[in-house]
């Protein structure tokens, strides 16, 4: 996964945590979000947001 795709998530682009584990977890959550994004339809996103 390219870093530019992860940096679309503002928290990954601007976060500088002291513990590396916390930063790694933030990047992992963003990567999971990026990989699941194409699988979700707009209708599913509307259900989650409600």
C-alpha atoms as a PDB file:
ATOM      1  CA  UNK A   1       0.000   0.000   0.000  1.00  0.00           C
ATOM      2  CA  UNK A   2       1.340   3.392  -0.907  1.00  0.00           C
ATOM      3  CA  UNK A   3       1.978   5.975   1.780  1.00  0.00           C
ATOM      4  CA  UNK A   4       0.034   8.641  -0.140  1.00  0.00           C
ATOM      5  CA  UNK A   5      -3.124   6.554   0.117  1.00  0.00           C
ATOM      6  CA  UNK A   6      -2.614   6.266   3.858  1.00  0.00           C
ATOM      7  CA  UNK A   7      -1.935   9.976   4.220  1.00  0.00           C
ATOM      8  CA  UNK A   8      -5.446  10.712   2.986  1.00  0.00           C
ATOM      9  CA  UNK A   9      -6.332   9.827   6.541  1.00  0.00           C
ATOM     10  CA  UNK A  10      -5.452  13.027   8.351  1.00  0.00           C
ATOM     11  CA  UNK A  11      -4.566  11.228  11.568  1.00  0.00           C
ATOM     12  CA  UNK A  12      -1.832   9.198   9.825  1.00  0.00           C
ATOM     13  CA  UNK A  13      -0.375  12.214   8.048  1.00  0.00           C
ATOM     14  CA  UNK A  14      -0.214  14.411  11.162  1.00  0.00           C
ATOM     15  CA  UNK A  15       0.284  11.981  14.029  1.00  0.00           C
ATOM     16  CA  UNK A  16       3.649  11.605  15.720  1.00  0.00           C
ATOM     17  CA  UNK A  17       3.183   9.347  18.716  1.00  0.00           C
ATOM     18  CA  UNK A  18       6.074   8.601  20.981  1.00  0.00           C
ATOM     19  CA  UNK A  19       5.299   4.888  21.315  1.00  0.00           C
ATOM     20  CA  UNK A  20       5.947   3.252  17.950  1.00  0.00           C
ATOM     21  CA  UNK A  21       3.290   0.645  18.717  1.00  0.00           C
ATOM     22  CA  UNK A  22       0.584   3.303  18.866  1.00  0.00           C
ATOM     23  CA  UNK A  23       1.655   4.839  15.550  1.00  0.00           C
ATOM     24  CA  UNK A  24       1.831   1.383  13.985  1.00  0.00           C
ATOM     25  CA  UNK A  25      -1.708   0.661  15.176  1.00  0.00           C
ATOM     26  CA  UNK A  26      -2.927   3.939  13.656  1.00  0.00           C
ATOM     27  CA  UNK A  27      -1.345   3.059  10.317  1.00  0.00           C
ATOM     28  CA  UNK A  28      -2.818  -0.443  10.493  1.00  0.00           C
ATOM     29  CA  UNK A  29      -6.343   0.876  11.071  1.00  0.00           C
ATOM     30  CA  UNK A  30      -5.943   3.271   8.132  1.00  0.00           C
ATOM     31  CA  UNK A  31      -4.661   0.435   5.923  1.00  0.00           C
ATOM     32  CA  UNK A  32      -7.632  -1.751   6.850  1.00  0.00           C
ATOM     33  CA  UNK A  33      -9.959   1.129   6.099  1.00  0.00           C
ATOM     34  CA  UNK A  34      -8.326   1.662   2.689  1.00  0.00           C
ATOM     35  CA  UNK A  35      -8.548  -2.029   1.802  1.00  0.00           C
ATOM     36  CA  UNK A  36     -12.217  -2.280   2.779  1.00  0.00           C
ATOM     37  CA  UNK A  37     -13.310   0.963   1.125  1.00  0.00           C
ATOM     38  CA  UNK A  38     -13.916  -0.461  -2.390  1.00  0.00           C
ATOM     39  CA  UNK A  39     -15.970  -3.325  -0.955  1.00  0.00           C
ATOM     40  CA  UNK A  40     -18.419  -1.004   0.760  1.00  0.00           C
ATOM     41  CA  UNK A  41     -21.286   0.463  -1.176  1.00  0.00           C
ATOM     42  CA  UNK A  42     -22.708   3.918  -0.548  1.00  0.00           C
ATOM     43  CA  UNK A  43     -25.800   2.289   0.931  1.00  0.00           C
ATOM     44  CA  UNK A  44     -23.710   0.411   3.500  1.00  0.00           C
ATOM     45  CA  UNK A  45     -21.888   3.611   4.430  1.00  0.00           C
ATOM     46  CA  UNK A  46     -25.208   5.372   4.971  1.00  0.00           C
ATOM     47  CA  UNK A  47     -26.288   2.611   7.361  1.00  0.00           C
ATOM     48  CA  UNK A  48     -23.070   2.897   9.377  1.00  0.00           C
ATOM     49  CA  UNK A  49     -23.300   6.688   9.582  1.00  0.00           C
ATOM     50  CA  UNK A  50     -26.883   6.629  10.840  1.00  0.00           C
END
